[in-house]
């Protein structure tokens, strides 16, 4: 079995983000030892919609809690709707109480 690609590692982390919580592109990159690769994490999220098992990409936002990837969900409000269904309050594409719902993989995970 070959080593997982960077995208596969990103997907492994994102699958661990619990419903009702969010993380950021930068937090994932930092956890994976590639702290300057936030954009690469974003690209992984952009192409994750057909990946199996499913990747809950709606739980990954920018460092300020903004739904910066919402354009990649087809319908304009799909990302916000998914987050709202999980109990996260979103106002004008901004997660409210971001510090309370933020899930930091460095704190939550030991080793993948």
PDB file of N, CA and C in Angstrom:
ATOM      1  N   UNK A   1       0.849  -1.182   0.000  1.00  0.00           N
ATOM      2  CA  UNK A   1       0.000   0.000   0.000  1.00  0.00           C
ATOM      3  C   UNK A   1       0.894   1.246   0.000  1.00  0.00           C
ATOM      4  N   UNK A   2       0.588   2.211  -0.853  1.00  0.00           N
ATOM      5  CA  UNK A   2       1.413   3.411  -0.947  1.00  0.00           C
ATOM      6  C   UNK A   2       1.021   4.420   0.124  1.00  0.00           C
ATOM      7  N   UNK A   3       1.913   5.360   0.347  1.00  0.00           N
ATOM      8  CA  UNK A   3       1.635   6.426   1.303  1.00  0.00           C
ATOM      9  C   UNK A   3       0.495   7.293   0.779  1.00  0.00           C
ATOM     10  N   UNK A   4      -0.351   7.791   1.679  1.00  0.00           N
ATOM     11  CA  UNK A   4      -1.453   8.641   1.226  1.00  0.00           C
ATOM     12  C   UNK A   4      -0.929   9.964   0.668  1.00  0.00           C
ATOM     13  N   UNK A   5      -1.645  10.497  -0.314  1.00  0.00           N
ATOM     14  CA  UNK A   5      -1.295  11.804  -0.868  1.00  0.00           C
ATOM     15  C   UNK A   5      -1.679  12.889   0.141  1.00  0.00           C
ATOM     16  N   UNK A   6      -1.233  14.099  -0.116  1.00  0.00           N
ATOM     17  CA  UNK A   6      -1.597  15.214   0.750  1.00  0.00           C
ATOM     18  C   UNK A   6      -3.114  15.373   0.801  1.00  0.00           C
ATOM     19  N   UNK A   7      -3.769  15.306  -0.353  1.00  0.00           N
ATOM     20  CA  UNK A   7      -5.222  15.435  -0.380  1.00  0.00           C
ATOM     21  C   UNK A   7      -5.879  14.343   0.465  1.00  0.00           C
ATOM     22  N   UNK A   8      -5.411  13.119   0.357  1.00  0.00           N
ATOM     23  CA  UNK A   8      -5.977  12.024   1.153  1.00  0.00           C
ATOM     24  C   UNK A   8      -5.801  12.284   2.645  1.00  0.00           C
ATOM     25  N   UNK A   9      -4.656  12.838   3.034  1.00  0.00           N
ATOM     26  CA  UNK A   9      -4.430  13.171   4.439  1.00  0.00           C
ATOM     27  C   UNK A   9      -5.399  14.261   4.887  1.00  0.00           C
ATOM     28  N   UNK A  10      -5.614  15.253   4.032  1.00  0.00           N
ATOM     29  CA  UNK A  10      -6.580  16.306   4.337  1.00  0.00           C
ATOM     30  C   UNK A  10      -7.957  15.693   4.554  1.00  0.00           C
ATOM     31  N   UNK A  11      -8.366  14.809   3.651  1.00  0.00           N
ATOM     32  CA  UNK A  11      -9.686  14.188   3.759  1.00  0.00           C
ATOM     33  C   UNK A  11      -9.815  13.378   5.043  1.00  0.00           C
ATOM     34  N   UNK A  12      -8.759  12.701   5.460  1.00  0.00           N
ATOM     35  CA  UNK A  12      -8.782  11.943   6.716  1.00  0.00           C
ATOM     36  C   UNK A  12      -9.074  12.863   7.889  1.00  0.00           C
ATOM     37  N   UNK A  13      -8.424  14.016   7.913  1.00  0.00           N
ATOM     38  CA  UNK A  13      -8.635  14.975   9.006  1.00  0.00           C
ATOM     39  C   UNK A  13     -10.056  15.524   8.956  1.00  0.00           C
ATOM     40  N   UNK A  14     -10.501  15.947   7.789  1.00  0.00           N
ATOM     41  CA  UNK A  14     -11.826  16.560   7.675  1.00  0.00           C
ATOM     42  C   UNK A  14     -12.920  15.576   8.072  1.00  0.00           C
ATOM     43  N   UNK A  15     -12.755  14.315   7.765  1.00  0.00           N
ATOM     44  CA  UNK A  15     -13.756  13.313   8.164  1.00  0.00           C
ATOM     45  C   UNK A  15     -13.870  13.181   9.679  1.00  0.00           C
ATOM     46  N   UNK A  16     -12.877  13.644  10.413  1.00  0.00           N
ATOM     47  CA  UNK A  16     -12.893  13.558  11.876  1.00  0.00           C
ATOM     48  C   UNK A  16     -13.529  14.770  12.543  1.00  0.00           C
ATOM     49  N   UNK A  17     -13.779  15.832  11.783  1.00  0.00           N
ATOM     50  CA  UNK A  17     -14.408  17.025  12.357  1.00  0.00           C
ATOM     51  C   UNK A  17     -15.852  16.660  12.703  1.00  0.00           C
ATOM     52  N   UNK A  18     -16.222  16.777  13.968  1.00  0.00           N
ATOM     53  CA  UNK A  18     -17.578  16.381  14.369  1.00  0.00           C
ATOM     54  C   UNK A  18     -18.653  17.325  13.831  1.00  0.00           C
ATOM     55  N   UNK A  19     -19.836  16.808  13.640  1.00  0.00           N
ATOM     56  CA  UNK A  19     -20.977  17.649  13.273  1.00  0.00           C
ATOM     57  C   UNK A  19     -21.135  18.724  14.339  1.00  0.00           C
ATOM     58  N   UNK A  20     -21.461  19.926  13.902  1.00  0.00           N
ATOM     59  CA  UNK A  20     -21.628  21.041  14.838  1.00  0.00           C
ATOM     60  C   UNK A  20     -20.333  21.751  15.173  1.00  0.00           C
ATOM     61  N   UNK A  21     -19.259  21.372  14.512  1.00  0.00           N
ATOM     62  CA  UNK A  21     -17.951  22.009  14.713  1.00  0.00           C
ATOM     63  C   UNK A  21     -17.369  22.335  13.346  1.00  0.00           C
ATOM     64  N   UNK A  22     -16.434  23.271  13.308  1.00  0.00           N
ATOM     65  CA  UNK A  22     -15.741  23.632  12.067  1.00  0.00           C
ATOM     66  C   UNK A  22     -14.256  23.763  12.337  1.00  0.00           C
ATOM     67  N   UNK A  23     -13.484  23.662  11.280  1.00  0.00           N
ATOM     68  CA  UNK A  23     -12.046  23.899  11.360  1.00  0.00           C
ATOM     69  C   UNK A  23     -11.672  24.805  10.202  1.00  0.00           C
ATOM     70  N   UNK A  24     -10.393  25.131  10.092  1.00  0.00           N
ATOM     71  CA  UNK A  24      -9.958  26.030   9.026  1.00  0.00           C
ATOM     72  C   UNK A  24      -8.930  25.350   8.129  1.00  0.00           C
ATOM     73  N   UNK A  25      -8.780  25.911   6.952  1.00  0.00           N
ATOM     74  CA  UNK A  25      -7.784  25.411   6.006  1.00  0.00           C
ATOM     75  C   UNK A  25      -6.400  25.439   6.657  1.00  0.00           C
ATOM     76  N   UNK A  26      -6.091  26.539   7.315  1.00  0.00           N
ATOM     77  CA  UNK A  26      -4.784  26.702   7.947  1.00  0.00           C
ATOM     78  C   UNK A  26      -4.536  25.742   9.090  1.00  0.00           C
ATOM     79  N   UNK A  27      -5.579  25.467   9.883  1.00  0.00           N
ATOM     80  CA  UNK A  27      -5.419  24.536  11.006  1.00  0.00           C
ATOM     81  C   UNK A  27      -5.114  23.134  10.500  1.00  0.00           C
ATOM     82  N   UNK A  28      -5.759  22.750   9.407  1.00  0.00           N
ATOM     83  CA  UNK A  28      -5.496  21.432   8.821  1.00  0.00           C
ATOM     84  C   UNK A  28      -4.077  21.382   8.276  1.00  0.00           C
ATOM     85  N   UNK A  29      -3.687  22.422   7.539  1.00  0.00           N
ATOM     86  CA  UNK A  29      -2.335  22.469   6.968  1.00  0.00           C
ATOM     87  C   UNK A  29      -1.280  22.388   8.073  1.00  0.00           C
ATOM     88  N   UNK A  30      -1.483  23.150   9.121  1.00  0.00           N
ATOM     89  CA  UNK A  30      -0.523  23.148  10.234  1.00  0.00           C
ATOM     90  C   UNK A  30      -0.443  21.767  10.877  1.00  0.00           C
ATOM     91  N   UNK A  31      -1.585  21.147  11.099  1.00  0.00           N
ATOM     92  CA  UNK A  31      -1.614  19.818  11.701  1.00  0.00           C
ATOM     93  C   UNK A  31      -0.847  18.811  10.853  1.00  0.00           C
ATOM     94  N   UNK A  32      -0.953  18.955   9.532  1.00  0.00           N
ATOM     95  CA  UNK A  32      -0.279  18.024   8.625  1.00  0.00           C
ATOM     96  C   UNK A  32       1.187  18.379   8.391  1.00  0.00           C
ATOM     97  N   UNK A  33       1.690  19.383   9.114  1.00  0.00           N
ATOM     98  CA  UNK A  33       3.093  19.754   8.997  1.00  0.00           C
ATOM     99  C   UNK A  33       3.412  20.582   7.768  1.00  0.00           C
ATOM    100  N   UNK A  34       2.391  21.225   7.223  1.00  0.00           N
ATOM    101  CA  UNK A  34       2.561  22.044   6.018  1.00  0.00           C
ATOM    102  C   UNK A  34       1.887  23.394   6.236  1.00  0.00           C
ATOM    103  N   UNK A  35       2.314  24.102   7.270  1.00  0.00           N
ATOM    104  CA  UNK A  35       1.621  25.305   7.715  1.00  0.00           C
ATOM    105  C   UNK A  35       1.449  26.379   6.646  1.00  0.00           C
ATOM    106  N   UNK A  36       2.238  26.349   5.594  1.00  0.00           N
ATOM    107  CA  UNK A  36       2.098  27.351   4.532  1.00  0.00           C
ATOM    108  C   UNK A  36       1.244  26.838   3.372  1.00  0.00           C
ATOM    109  N   UNK A  37       0.504  25.784   3.600  1.00  0.00           N
ATOM    110  CA  UNK A  37      -0.259  25.141   2.525  1.00  0.00           C
ATOM    111  C   UNK A  37      -1.772  25.254   2.684  1.00  0.00           C
ATOM    112  N   UNK A  38      -2.243  26.336   3.284  1.00  0.00           N
ATOM    113  CA  UNK A  38      -3.688  26.533   3.457  1.00  0.00           C
ATOM    114  C   UNK A  38      -4.421  26.479   2.121  1.00  0.00           C
ATOM    115  N   UNK A  39      -3.847  27.094   1.108  1.00  0.00           N
ATOM    116  CA  UNK A  39      -4.504  27.100  -0.205  1.00  0.00           C
ATOM    117  C   UNK A  39      -4.599  25.697  -0.789  1.00  0.00           C
ATOM    118  N   UNK A  40      -3.587  24.892  -0.553  1.00  0.00           N
ATOM    119  CA  UNK A  40      -3.623  23.518  -1.050  1.00  0.00           C
ATOM    120  C   UNK A  40      -4.742  22.737  -0.362  1.00  0.00           C
ATOM    121  N   UNK A  41      -4.953  22.999   0.915  1.00  0.00           N
ATOM    122  CA  UNK A  41      -6.079  22.386   1.630  1.00  0.00           C
ATOM    123  C   UNK A  41      -7.388  22.851   0.985  1.00  0.00           C
ATOM    124  N   UNK A  42      -7.455  24.132   0.648  1.00  0.00           N
ATOM    125  CA  UNK A  42      -8.640  24.662  -0.032  1.00  0.00           C
ATOM    126  C   UNK A  42      -8.896  23.972  -1.363  1.00  0.00           C
ATOM    127  N   UNK A  43      -7.847  23.753  -2.132  1.00  0.00           N
ATOM    128  CA  UNK A  43      -7.995  23.052  -3.409  1.00  0.00           C
ATOM    129  C   UNK A  43      -8.472  21.620  -3.180  1.00  0.00           C
ATOM    130  N   UNK A  44      -7.975  20.996  -2.134  1.00  0.00           N
ATOM    131  CA  UNK A  44      -8.433  19.635  -1.812  1.00  0.00           C
ATOM    132  C   UNK A  44      -9.931  19.645  -1.502  1.00  0.00           C
ATOM    133  N   UNK A  45     -10.384  20.657  -0.778  1.00  0.00           N
ATOM    134  CA  UNK A  45     -11.812  20.758  -0.473  1.00  0.00           C
ATOM    135  C   UNK A  45     -12.621  21.000  -1.743  1.00  0.00           C
ATOM    136  N   UNK A  46     -12.095  21.802  -2.658  1.00  0.00           N
ATOM    137  CA  UNK A  46     -12.804  22.123  -3.900  1.00  0.00           C
ATOM    138  C   UNK A  46     -13.107  20.884  -4.727  1.00  0.00           C
ATOM    139  N   UNK A  47     -12.233  19.897  -4.673  1.00  0.00           N
ATOM    140  CA  UNK A  47     -12.415  18.696  -5.496  1.00  0.00           C
ATOM    141  C   UNK A  47     -12.861  17.486  -4.679  1.00  0.00           C
ATOM    142  N   UNK A  48     -13.282  17.709  -3.457  1.00  0.00           N
ATOM    143  CA  UNK A  48     -13.631  16.600  -2.566  1.00  0.00           C
ATOM    144  C   UNK A  48     -15.065  16.112  -2.711  1.00  0.00           C
ATOM    145  N   UNK A  49     -15.887  16.810  -3.446  1.00  0.00           N
ATOM    146  CA  UNK A  49     -17.319  16.508  -3.469  1.00  0.00           C
ATOM    147  C   UNK A  49     -17.667  15.128  -4.029  1.00  0.00           C
ATOM    148  N   UNK A  50     -16.808  14.542  -4.857  1.00  0.00           N
ATOM    149  CA  UNK A  50     -17.096  13.220  -5.390  1.00  0.00           C
ATOM    150  C   UNK A  50     -16.307  12.110  -4.729  1.00  0.00           C
ATOM    151  N   UNK A  51     -15.561  12.448  -3.677  1.00  0.00           N
ATOM    152  CA  UNK A  51     -14.692  11.484  -3.003  1.00  0.00           C
ATOM    153  C   UNK A  51     -15.518  10.552  -2.118  1.00  0.00           C
ATOM    154  N   UNK A  52     -15.091   9.295  -2.069  1.00  0.00           N
ATOM    155  CA  UNK A  52     -15.742   8.310  -1.216  1.00  0.00           C
ATOM    156  C   UNK A  52     -14.697   7.665  -0.317  1.00  0.00           C
ATOM    157  N   UNK A  53     -14.972   7.498   0.984  1.00  0.00           N
ATOM    158  CA  UNK A  53     -16.176   7.957   1.665  1.00  0.00           C
ATOM    159  C   UNK A  53     -16.273   9.483   1.649  1.00  0.00           C
ATOM    160  N   UNK A  54     -17.488   9.965   1.881  1.00  0.00           N
ATOM    161  CA  UNK A  54     -17.764  11.400   1.800  1.00  0.00           C
ATOM    162  C   UNK A  54     -16.863  12.215   2.717  1.00  0.00           C
ATOM    163  N   UNK A  55     -16.585  13.434   2.268  1.00  0.00           N
ATOM    164  CA  UNK A  55     -15.783  14.391   3.022  1.00  0.00           C
ATOM    165  C   UNK A  55     -16.707  15.556   3.389  1.00  0.00           C
ATOM    166  N   UNK A  56     -16.893  15.842   4.679  1.00  0.00           N
ATOM    167  CA  UNK A  56     -17.773  16.944   5.064  1.00  0.00           C
ATOM    168  C   UNK A  56     -17.084  18.308   4.884  1.00  0.00           C
ATOM    169  N   UNK A  57     -16.849  18.661   3.624  1.00  0.00           N
ATOM    170  CA  UNK A  57     -16.108  19.876   3.285  1.00  0.00           C
ATOM    171  C   UNK A  57     -16.772  21.147   3.807  1.00  0.00           C
ATOM    172  N   UNK A  58     -18.071  21.089   4.064  1.00  0.00           N
ATOM    173  CA  UNK A  58     -18.771  22.267   4.584  1.00  0.00           C
ATOM    174  C   UNK A  58     -18.267  22.670   5.962  1.00  0.00           C
ATOM    175  N   UNK A  59     -17.560  21.789   6.634  1.00  0.00           N
ATOM    176  CA  UNK A  59     -17.041  22.087   7.979  1.00  0.00           C
ATOM    177  C   UNK A  59     -15.664  22.750   7.949  1.00  0.00           C
ATOM    178  N   UNK A  60     -15.177  23.102   6.770  1.00  0.00           N
ATOM    179  CA  UNK A  60     -13.870  23.756   6.641  1.00  0.00           C
ATOM    180  C   UNK A  60     -14.088  25.163   6.095  1.00  0.00           C
ATOM    181  N   UNK A  61     -13.627  26.142   6.869  1.00  0.00           N
ATOM    182  CA  UNK A  61     -13.832  27.556   6.542  1.00  0.00           C
ATOM    183  C   UNK A  61     -12.502  28.298   6.640  1.00  0.00           C
ATOM    184  N   UNK A  62     -12.514  29.589   6.357  1.00  0.00           N
ATOM    185  CA  UNK A  62     -11.252  30.315   6.484  1.00  0.00           C
ATOM    186  C   UNK A  62     -10.955  30.649   7.947  1.00  0.00           C
ATOM    187  N   UNK A  63      -9.803  31.207   8.192  1.00  0.00           N
ATOM    188  CA  UNK A  63      -9.336  31.426   9.572  1.00  0.00           C
ATOM    189  C   UNK A  63     -10.189  32.387  10.379  1.00  0.00           C
ATOM    190  N   UNK A  64     -11.064  33.133   9.693  1.00  0.00           N
ATOM    191  CA  UNK A  64     -11.945  34.071  10.382  1.00  0.00           C
ATOM    192  C   UNK A  64     -13.378  33.560  10.500  1.00  0.00           C
ATOM    193  N   UNK A  65     -13.602  32.322  10.073  1.00  0.00           N
ATOM    194  CA  UNK A  65     -14.939  31.756  10.144  1.00  0.00           C
ATOM    195  C   UNK A  65     -15.831  32.136   8.986  1.00  0.00           C
ATOM    196  N   UNK A  66     -15.248  32.619   7.909  1.00  0.00           N
ATOM    197  CA  UNK A  66     -16.006  33.002   6.729  1.00  0.00           C
ATOM    198  C   UNK A  66     -16.154  31.807   5.787  1.00  0.00           C
ATOM    199  N   UNK A  67     -17.313  31.648   5.187  1.00  0.00           N
ATOM    200  CA  UNK A  67     -17.578  30.542   4.268  1.00  0.00           C
ATOM    201  C   UNK A  67     -16.967  30.850   2.903  1.00  0.00           C
ATOM    202  N   UNK A  68     -15.677  30.903   2.849  1.00  0.00           N
ATOM    203  CA  UNK A  68     -14.968  31.303   1.636  1.00  0.00           C
ATOM    204  C   UNK A  68     -15.058  30.268   0.517  1.00  0.00           C
ATOM    205  N   UNK A  69     -15.411  29.030   0.829  1.00  0.00           N
ATOM    206  CA  UNK A  69     -15.509  27.989  -0.180  1.00  0.00           C
ATOM    207  C   UNK A  69     -16.925  27.722  -0.660  1.00  0.00           C
ATOM    208  N   UNK A  70     -17.867  28.580  -0.310  1.00  0.00           N
ATOM    209  CA  UNK A  70     -19.277  28.313  -0.592  1.00  0.00           C
ATOM    210  C   UNK A  70     -19.593  28.187  -2.070  1.00  0.00           C
ATOM    211  N   UNK A  71     -18.810  28.792  -2.937  1.00  0.00           N
ATOM    212  CA  UNK A  71     -19.060  28.740  -4.384  1.00  0.00           C
ATOM    213  C   UNK A  71     -18.887  27.332  -4.943  1.00  0.00           C
ATOM    214  N   UNK A  72     -18.210  26.463  -4.217  1.00  0.00           N
ATOM    215  CA  UNK A  72     -17.935  25.108  -4.690  1.00  0.00           C
ATOM    216  C   UNK A  72     -18.994  24.094  -4.255  1.00  0.00           C
ATOM    217  N   UNK A  73     -20.109  24.589  -3.722  1.00  0.00           N
ATOM    218  CA  UNK A  73     -21.186  23.708  -3.270  1.00  0.00           C
ATOM    219  C   UNK A  73     -22.400  23.762  -4.191  1.00  0.00           C
ATOM    220  N   UNK A  74     -22.224  24.337  -5.370  1.00  0.00           N
ATOM    221  CA  UNK A  74     -23.334  24.422  -6.312  1.00  0.00           C
ATOM    222  C   UNK A  74     -24.277  25.545  -5.953  1.00  0.00           C
ATOM    223  N   UNK A  75     -25.310  25.245  -5.237  1.00  0.00           N
ATOM    224  CA  UNK A  75     -26.297  26.236  -4.811  1.00  0.00           C
ATOM    225  C   UNK A  75     -25.651  27.203  -3.816  1.00  0.00           C
ATOM    226  N   UNK A  76     -25.885  28.517  -3.961  1.00  0.00           N
ATOM    227  CA  UNK A  76     -25.173  29.519  -3.150  1.00  0.00           C
ATOM    228  C   UNK A  76     -25.292  29.375  -1.637  1.00  0.00           C
ATOM    229  N   UNK A  77     -26.396  28.822  -1.147  1.00  0.00           N
ATOM    230  CA  UNK A  77     -26.580  28.725   0.303  1.00  0.00           C
ATOM    231  C   UNK A  77     -26.380  27.305   0.839  1.00  0.00           C
ATOM    232  N   UNK A  78     -25.886  26.393   0.015  1.00  0.00           N
ATOM    233  CA  UNK A  78     -25.760  24.987   0.431  1.00  0.00           C
ATOM    234  C   UNK A  78     -24.818  24.815   1.618  1.00  0.00           C
ATOM    235  N   UNK A  79     -23.686  25.491   1.596  1.00  0.00           N
ATOM    236  CA  UNK A  79     -22.717  25.341   2.689  1.00  0.00           C
ATOM    237  C   UNK A  79     -23.320  25.855   3.997  1.00  0.00           C
ATOM    238  N   UNK A  80     -23.911  27.039   3.952  1.00  0.00           N
ATOM    239  CA  UNK A  80     -24.530  27.612   5.151  1.00  0.00           C
ATOM    240  C   UNK A  80     -25.677  26.736   5.637  1.00  0.00           C
ATOM    241  N   UNK A  81     -26.456  26.193   4.709  1.00  0.00           N
ATOM    242  CA  UNK A  81     -27.588  25.337   5.091  1.00  0.00           C
ATOM    243  C   UNK A  81     -27.117  24.082   5.808  1.00  0.00           C
ATOM    244  N   UNK A  82     -26.055  23.473   5.313  1.00  0.00           N
ATOM    245  CA  UNK A  82     -25.520  22.269   5.959  1.00  0.00           C
ATOM    246  C   UNK A  82     -25.020  22.587   7.364  1.00  0.00           C
ATOM    247  N   UNK A  83     -24.322  23.702   7.501  1.00  0.00           N
ATOM    248  CA  UNK A  83     -23.809  24.081   8.825  1.00  0.00           C
ATOM    249  C   UNK A  83     -24.955  24.403   9.775  1.00  0.00           C
ATOM    250  N   UNK A  84     -25.949  25.122   9.287  1.00  0.00           N
ATOM    251  CA  UNK A  84     -27.111  25.473  10.109  1.00  0.00           C
ATOM    252  C   UNK A  84     -27.832  24.212  10.573  1.00  0.00           C
ATOM    253  N   UNK A  85     -27.945  23.229   9.695  1.00  0.00           N
ATOM    254  CA  UNK A  85     -28.594  21.962  10.049  1.00  0.00           C
ATOM    255  C   UNK A  85     -27.848  21.243  11.163  1.00  0.00           C
ATOM    256  N   UNK A  86     -26.564  21.549  11.324  1.00  0.00           N
ATOM    257  CA  UNK A  86     -25.756  20.942  12.378  1.00  0.00           C
ATOM    258  C   UNK A  86     -25.710  21.811  13.635  1.00  0.00           C
ATOM    259  N   UNK A  87     -26.466  22.910  13.635  1.00  0.00           N
ATOM    260  CA  UNK A  87     -26.552  23.749  14.823  1.00  0.00           C
ATOM    261  C   UNK A  87     -25.605  24.940  14.843  1.00  0.00           C
ATOM    262  N   UNK A  88     -24.894  25.168  13.775  1.00  0.00           N
ATOM    263  CA  UNK A  88     -23.976  26.307  13.708  1.00  0.00           C
ATOM    264  C   UNK A  88     -24.734  27.517  13.179  1.00  0.00           C
ATOM    265  N   UNK A  89     -24.562  28.645  13.829  1.00  0.00           N
ATOM    266  CA  UNK A  89     -25.241  29.872  13.412  1.00  0.00           C
ATOM    267  C   UNK A  89     -24.362  30.585  12.383  1.00  0.00           C
ATOM    268  N   UNK A  90     -24.948  30.839  11.212  1.00  0.00           N
ATOM    269  CA  UNK A  90     -24.251  31.525  10.127  1.00  0.00           C
ATOM    270  C   UNK A  90     -25.058  32.757   9.752  1.00  0.00           C
ATOM    271  N   UNK A  91     -24.405  33.916   9.786  1.00  0.00           N
ATOM    272  CA  UNK A  91     -25.049  35.167   9.396  1.00  0.00           C
ATOM    273  C   UNK A  91     -24.195  35.814   8.309  1.00  0.00           C
ATOM    274  N   UNK A  92     -24.795  36.018   7.153  1.00  0.00           N
ATOM    275  CA  UNK A  92     -24.099  36.628   6.011  1.00  0.00           C
ATOM    276  C   UNK A  92     -22.752  35.943   5.750  1.00  0.00           C
ATOM    277  N   UNK A  93     -22.793  34.625   5.644  1.00  0.00           N
ATOM    278  CA  UNK A  93     -21.626  33.789   5.340  1.00  0.00           C
ATOM    279  C   UNK A  93     -20.529  33.834   6.415  1.00  0.00           C
ATOM    280  N   UNK A  94     -20.872  34.284   7.612  1.00  0.00           N
ATOM    281  CA  UNK A  94     -19.925  34.364   8.721  1.00  0.00           C
ATOM    282  C   UNK A  94     -20.429  33.494   9.865  1.00  0.00           C
ATOM    283  N   UNK A  95     -19.585  32.573  10.325  1.00  0.00           N
ATOM    284  CA  UNK A  95     -19.955  31.732  11.464  1.00  0.00           C
ATOM    285  C   UNK A  95     -19.938  32.577  12.728  1.00  0.00           C
ATOM    286  N   UNK A  96     -21.023  32.506  13.456  1.00  0.00           N
ATOM    287  CA  UNK A  96     -21.141  33.229  14.719  1.00  0.00           C
ATOM    288  C   UNK A  96     -20.541  32.376  15.849  1.00  0.00           C
ATOM    289  N   UNK A  97     -19.955  33.024  16.828  1.00  0.00           N
ATOM    290  CA  UNK A  97     -19.329  32.335  17.960  1.00  0.00           C
ATOM    291  C   UNK A  97     -18.275  31.344  17.458  1.00  0.00           C
ATOM    292  N   UNK A  98     -17.506  31.792  16.494  1.00  0.00           N
ATOM    293  CA  UNK A  98     -16.517  30.946  15.821  1.00  0.00           C
ATOM    294  C   UNK A  98     -15.578  30.272  16.808  1.00  0.00           C
ATOM    295  N   UNK A  99     -15.118  31.002  17.810  1.00  0.00           N
ATOM    296  CA  UNK A  99     -14.177  30.424  18.773  1.00  0.00           C
ATOM    297  C   UNK A  99     -14.792  29.273  19.570  1.00  0.00           C
ATOM    298  N   UNK A 100     -16.115  29.262  19.713  1.00  0.00           N
ATOM    299  CA  UNK A 100     -16.787  28.197  20.460  1.00  0.00           C
ATOM    300  C   UNK A 100     -16.993  26.930  19.635  1.00  0.00           C
ATOM    301  N   UNK A 101     -17.106  27.061  18.321  1.00  0.00           N
ATOM    302  CA  UNK A 101     -17.357  25.894  17.471  1.00  0.00           C
ATOM    303  C   UNK A 101     -16.094  25.449  16.712  1.00  0.00           C
ATOM    304  N   UNK A 102     -15.013  26.194  16.891  1.00  0.00           N
ATOM    305  CA  UNK A 102     -13.770  25.866  16.182  1.00  0.00           C
ATOM    306  C   UNK A 102     -13.169  24.575  16.729  1.00  0.00           C
ATOM    307  N   UNK A 103     -12.795  23.685  15.833  1.00  0.00           N
ATOM    308  CA  UNK A 103     -12.198  22.388  16.154  1.00  0.00           C
ATOM    309  C   UNK A 103     -10.773  22.404  15.638  1.00  0.00           C
ATOM    310  N   UNK A 104      -9.819  22.402  16.543  1.00  0.00           N
ATOM    311  CA  UNK A 104      -8.407  22.469  16.173  1.00  0.00           C
ATOM    312  C   UNK A 104      -7.821  21.070  16.170  1.00  0.00           C
ATOM    313  N   UNK A 105      -7.434  20.556  14.991  1.00  0.00           N
ATOM    314  CA  UNK A 105      -6.916  19.196  14.945  1.00  0.00           C
ATOM    315  C   UNK A 105      -5.667  18.983  15.800  1.00  0.00           C
ATOM    316  N   UNK A 106      -4.863  20.014  15.996  1.00  0.00           N
ATOM    317  CA  UNK A 106      -3.688  19.863  16.845  1.00  0.00           C
ATOM    318  C   UNK A 106      -4.058  19.582  18.293  1.00  0.00           C
ATOM    319  N   UNK A 107      -5.187  20.109  18.736  1.00  0.00           N
ATOM    320  CA  UNK A 107      -5.640  19.884  20.100  1.00  0.00           C
ATOM    321  C   UNK A 107      -6.489  18.613  20.218  1.00  0.00           C
ATOM    322  N   UNK A 108      -7.252  18.324  19.173  1.00  0.00           N
ATOM    323  CA  UNK A 108      -8.216  17.234  19.215  1.00  0.00           C
ATOM    324  C   UNK A 108      -7.638  15.860  18.812  1.00  0.00           C
ATOM    325  N   UNK A 109      -6.601  15.890  18.011  1.00  0.00           N
ATOM    326  CA  UNK A 109      -6.042  14.639  17.490  1.00  0.00           C
ATOM    327  C   UNK A 109      -4.607  14.453  17.965  1.00  0.00           C
ATOM    328  N   UNK A 110      -4.234  13.235  18.123  1.00  0.00           N
ATOM    329  CA  UNK A 110      -2.847  12.941  18.495  1.00  0.00           C
ATOM    330  C   UNK A 110      -2.047  12.572  17.250  1.00  0.00           C
ATOM    331  N   UNK A 111      -2.451  11.506  16.606  1.00  0.00           N
ATOM    332  CA  UNK A 111      -1.751  11.014  15.418  1.00  0.00           C
ATOM    333  C   UNK A 111      -2.770  10.421  14.465  1.00  0.00           C
ATOM    334  N   UNK A 112      -2.560  10.660  13.188  1.00  0.00           N
ATOM    335  CA  UNK A 112      -3.416  10.004  12.192  1.00  0.00           C
ATOM    336  C   UNK A 112      -2.602   8.925  11.549  1.00  0.00           C
TER     337      UNK A 112
END
